[in-house]
Amino acid sequence: MSHRNRAFEDENDESNGRSSVEIHSISKKIYPHTVDGVNLSKIADKFNGLNINDFATRKTIAQGMLDLALLTANAAQLKRVLTIGPNNHRFYHILLVLITLSICLQVIQGVIMCILAIVFDLNKVEEHRRTNIANNILLATTICSVSINIIISTFDIADIK
């Protein structure tokens, strides 16, 4: 078999005077890993220096900004429901409980996100279990909060005068 794939040769195989490491480096020069003119090896090299803790912190901050917007919307809804009063809306008490519960869940989410961003270090293996538990609790409270807000949105309070 004269047409062996040299990329799979043993490093110590000196056939034709070249080792597999030399052949691999030559093939990288001849056939660079590109997609639409973008060198994928350069992108992969940038990800090697990625600090997971910084990424998680930025993701948590971005999620916090979205949660802040939802908290602001819930505060406006709560103000509207309290302004309407119990006599002018038949779902007043349900909305009051749901909006208050949603705001409480969002405060809990904020506390958990602060703990994840400030207290835990994802680069430490011994903290991975605790961060996973905190992240799962955060996910559960987020799902509950979103579900409650979907229910709140079904009771249209914007049209009531």
Protein backbone atom coordinates (compact mmCIF):
# COMPACT_ATOMS: atom_id res chain seq x y z
CA MET A 1 0.00 0.00 0.00
CA SER A 2 1.97 2.92 -1.27
CA HIS A 3 -0.78 5.51 -0.72
CA ARG A 4 -0.96 5.46 3.06
CA ASN A 5 -2.42 8.48 4.80
CA ARG A 6 0.63 10.07 6.38
CA ALA A 7 -1.43 11.96 8.98
CA PHE A 8 -2.07 8.66 10.76
CA GLU A 9 1.51 7.43 10.68
CA ASP A 10 3.43 6.90 13.86
CA GLU A 11 5.57 9.91 14.85
CA ASN A 12 8.71 7.79 14.76
CA ASP A 13 7.99 6.40 11.29
CA GLU A 14 10.66 7.92 9.10
CA SER A 15 9.33 6.79 5.71
CA ASN A 16 10.54 9.07 2.92
CA GLY A 17 12.67 10.95 5.45
CA ARG A 18 9.78 12.81 7.14
CA SER A 19 8.03 12.19 10.44
CA SER A 20 4.28 12.44 10.79
CA VAL A 21 4.70 15.68 12.78
CA GLU A 22 6.54 17.27 9.86
CA ILE A 23 3.93 16.00 7.41
CA HIS A 24 1.13 17.37 9.61
CA SER A 25 2.77 20.80 9.79
CA ILE A 26 3.34 20.83 6.02
CA SER A 27 -0.27 19.83 5.36
CA LYS A 28 -1.48 22.65 7.65
CA LYS A 29 0.51 25.11 5.56
CA ILE A 30 -0.74 23.72 2.27
CA TYR A 31 -4.36 23.15 3.34
CA PRO A 32 -5.18 25.70 6.07
CA HIS A 33 -8.46 25.14 7.88
CA THR A 34 -10.58 27.88 6.39
CA VAL A 35 -14.28 28.37 5.93
CA ASP A 36 -15.33 31.25 3.67
CA GLY A 37 -11.86 32.75 4.01
CA VAL A 38 -11.87 32.62 7.83
CA ASN A 39 -8.97 30.74 9.36
CA LEU A 40 -10.51 28.41 11.93
CA SER A 41 -7.23 27.66 13.66
CA LYS A 42 -6.85 31.34 14.61
CA ILE A 43 -10.34 31.36 16.08
CA ALA A 44 -9.62 28.15 18.00
CA ASP A 45 -6.44 29.71 19.38
CA LYS A 46 -8.44 32.67 20.72
CA PHE A 47 -10.83 30.29 22.52
CA ASN A 48 -7.92 28.55 24.20
CA GLY A 49 -7.33 31.72 26.22
CA LEU A 50 -11.01 32.10 27.14
CA ASN A 51 -11.56 32.43 30.86
CA ILE A 52 -14.74 30.56 31.68
CA ASN A 53 -15.28 32.57 34.84
CA ASP A 54 -15.25 35.88 32.89
CA PHE A 55 -17.68 34.46 30.34
CA ALA A 56 -20.07 33.25 33.04
CA THR A 57 -19.88 36.61 34.80
CA ARG A 58 -20.73 38.49 31.59
CA LYS A 59 -23.58 36.10 30.83
CA THR A 60 -24.94 36.56 34.34
CA ILE A 61 -24.77 40.35 34.02
CA ALA A 62 -26.60 40.25 30.67
CA GLN A 63 -29.28 38.01 32.14
CA GLY A 64 -29.53 40.40 35.07
CA MET A 65 -30.24 43.31 32.73
CA LEU A 66 -33.08 41.36 31.11
CA ASP A 67 -34.44 40.45 34.52
CA LEU A 68 -34.27 44.10 35.53
CA ALA A 69 -36.45 44.99 32.54
CA LEU A 70 -38.97 42.31 33.56
CA LEU A 71 -38.89 43.55 37.15
CA THR A 72 -39.62 47.08 35.94
CA ALA A 73 -42.56 45.82 33.88
CA ASN A 74 -43.92 43.90 36.88
CA ALA A 75 -43.60 46.97 39.10
CA ALA A 76 -45.59 48.97 36.55
CA GLN A 77 -48.23 46.24 36.44
CA LEU A 78 -48.41 46.16 40.23
CA LYS A 79 -48.85 49.92 40.33
CA ARG A 80 -51.63 49.67 37.73
CA VAL A 81 -53.42 46.89 39.63
CA LEU A 82 -53.20 48.79 42.92
CA THR A 83 -54.48 51.95 41.19
CA ILE A 84 -57.46 50.09 39.72
CA GLY A 85 -58.50 48.69 43.10
CA PRO A 86 -60.43 45.55 44.02
CA ASN A 87 -63.84 46.94 43.02
CA ASN A 88 -62.95 47.65 39.39
CA HIS A 89 -61.33 44.35 38.37
CA ARG A 90 -62.71 40.92 39.09
CA PHE A 91 -59.23 39.31 39.03
CA TYR A 92 -57.68 41.91 41.33
CA HIS A 93 -56.59 39.51 44.08
CA ILE A 94 -55.25 36.89 41.65
CA LEU A 95 -53.22 39.53 39.81
CA LEU A 96 -51.96 41.02 43.05
CA VAL A 97 -50.72 37.62 44.27
CA LEU A 98 -49.20 36.64 40.91
CA ILE A 99 -47.38 39.93 40.38
CA THR A 100 -46.07 39.93 43.95
CA LEU A 101 -44.92 36.31 43.59
CA SER A 102 -43.19 37.16 40.31
CA ILE A 103 -41.38 40.10 41.87
CA CYS A 104 -40.27 37.92 44.82
CA LEU A 105 -38.95 35.24 42.44
CA GLN A 106 -37.05 37.90 40.50
CA VAL A 107 -35.44 39.19 43.69
CA ILE A 108 -34.39 35.61 44.51
CA GLN A 109 -32.95 35.29 40.99
CA GLY A 110 -30.95 38.47 41.51
CA VAL A 111 -29.51 37.20 44.77
CA ILE A 112 -28.54 33.86 43.17
CA MET A 113 -26.94 35.66 40.21
CA CYS A 114 -24.90 37.82 42.57
CA ILE A 115 -23.76 34.71 44.40
CA LEU A 116 -22.79 33.06 41.10
CA ALA A 117 -20.95 36.14 39.87
CA ILE A 118 -19.19 37.17 43.07
CA VAL A 119 -18.80 34.19 45.40
CA PHE A 120 -18.12 31.22 43.11
CA ASP A 121 -15.09 30.73 40.88
CA LEU A 122 -15.74 28.39 37.97
CA ASN A 123 -12.03 27.79 37.53
CA LYS A 124 -11.97 25.85 40.83
CA VAL A 125 -13.08 22.27 40.32
CA GLU A 126 -14.19 21.88 43.93
CA GLU A 127 -16.83 24.59 43.43
CA HIS A 128 -18.40 23.07 40.31
CA ARG A 129 -20.97 21.04 42.26
CA ARG A 130 -22.16 24.07 44.24
CA THR A 131 -22.28 26.26 41.14
CA ASN A 132 -24.32 23.62 39.31
CA ILE A 133 -26.81 23.48 42.19
CA ALA A 134 -27.10 27.28 42.29
CA ASN A 135 -27.46 27.40 38.51
CA ASN A 136 -30.23 24.76 38.60
CA ILE A 137 -32.08 26.72 41.31
CA LEU A 138 -31.71 29.85 39.18
CA LEU A 139 -33.10 28.01 36.16
CA ALA A 140 -36.09 26.72 38.14
CA THR A 141 -36.93 30.17 39.52
CA THR A 142 -36.56 31.68 36.04
CA ILE A 143 -38.97 29.13 34.55
CA CYS A 144 -41.48 29.77 37.36
CA SER A 145 -41.16 33.53 36.93
CA VAL A 146 -41.67 33.37 33.16
CA SER A 147 -44.66 31.03 33.59
CA ILE A 148 -46.24 33.38 36.13
CA ASN A 149 -45.68 36.35 33.80
CA ILE A 150 -47.39 34.48 30.97
CA ILE A 151 -50.37 33.91 33.25
CA ILE A 152 -50.32 37.59 34.28
CA SER A 153 -50.36 38.66 30.64
CA THR A 154 -53.58 36.71 30.04
CA PHE A 155 -55.40 39.03 32.45
CA ASP A 156 -55.39 42.18 30.36
CA ILE A 157 -55.24 45.13 32.74
CA ALA A 158 -54.19 47.78 30.23
CA ASP A 159 -57.72 48.45 28.92
CA ILE A 160 -59.34 49.01 32.31
CA LYS A 161 -60.01 52.63 33.20
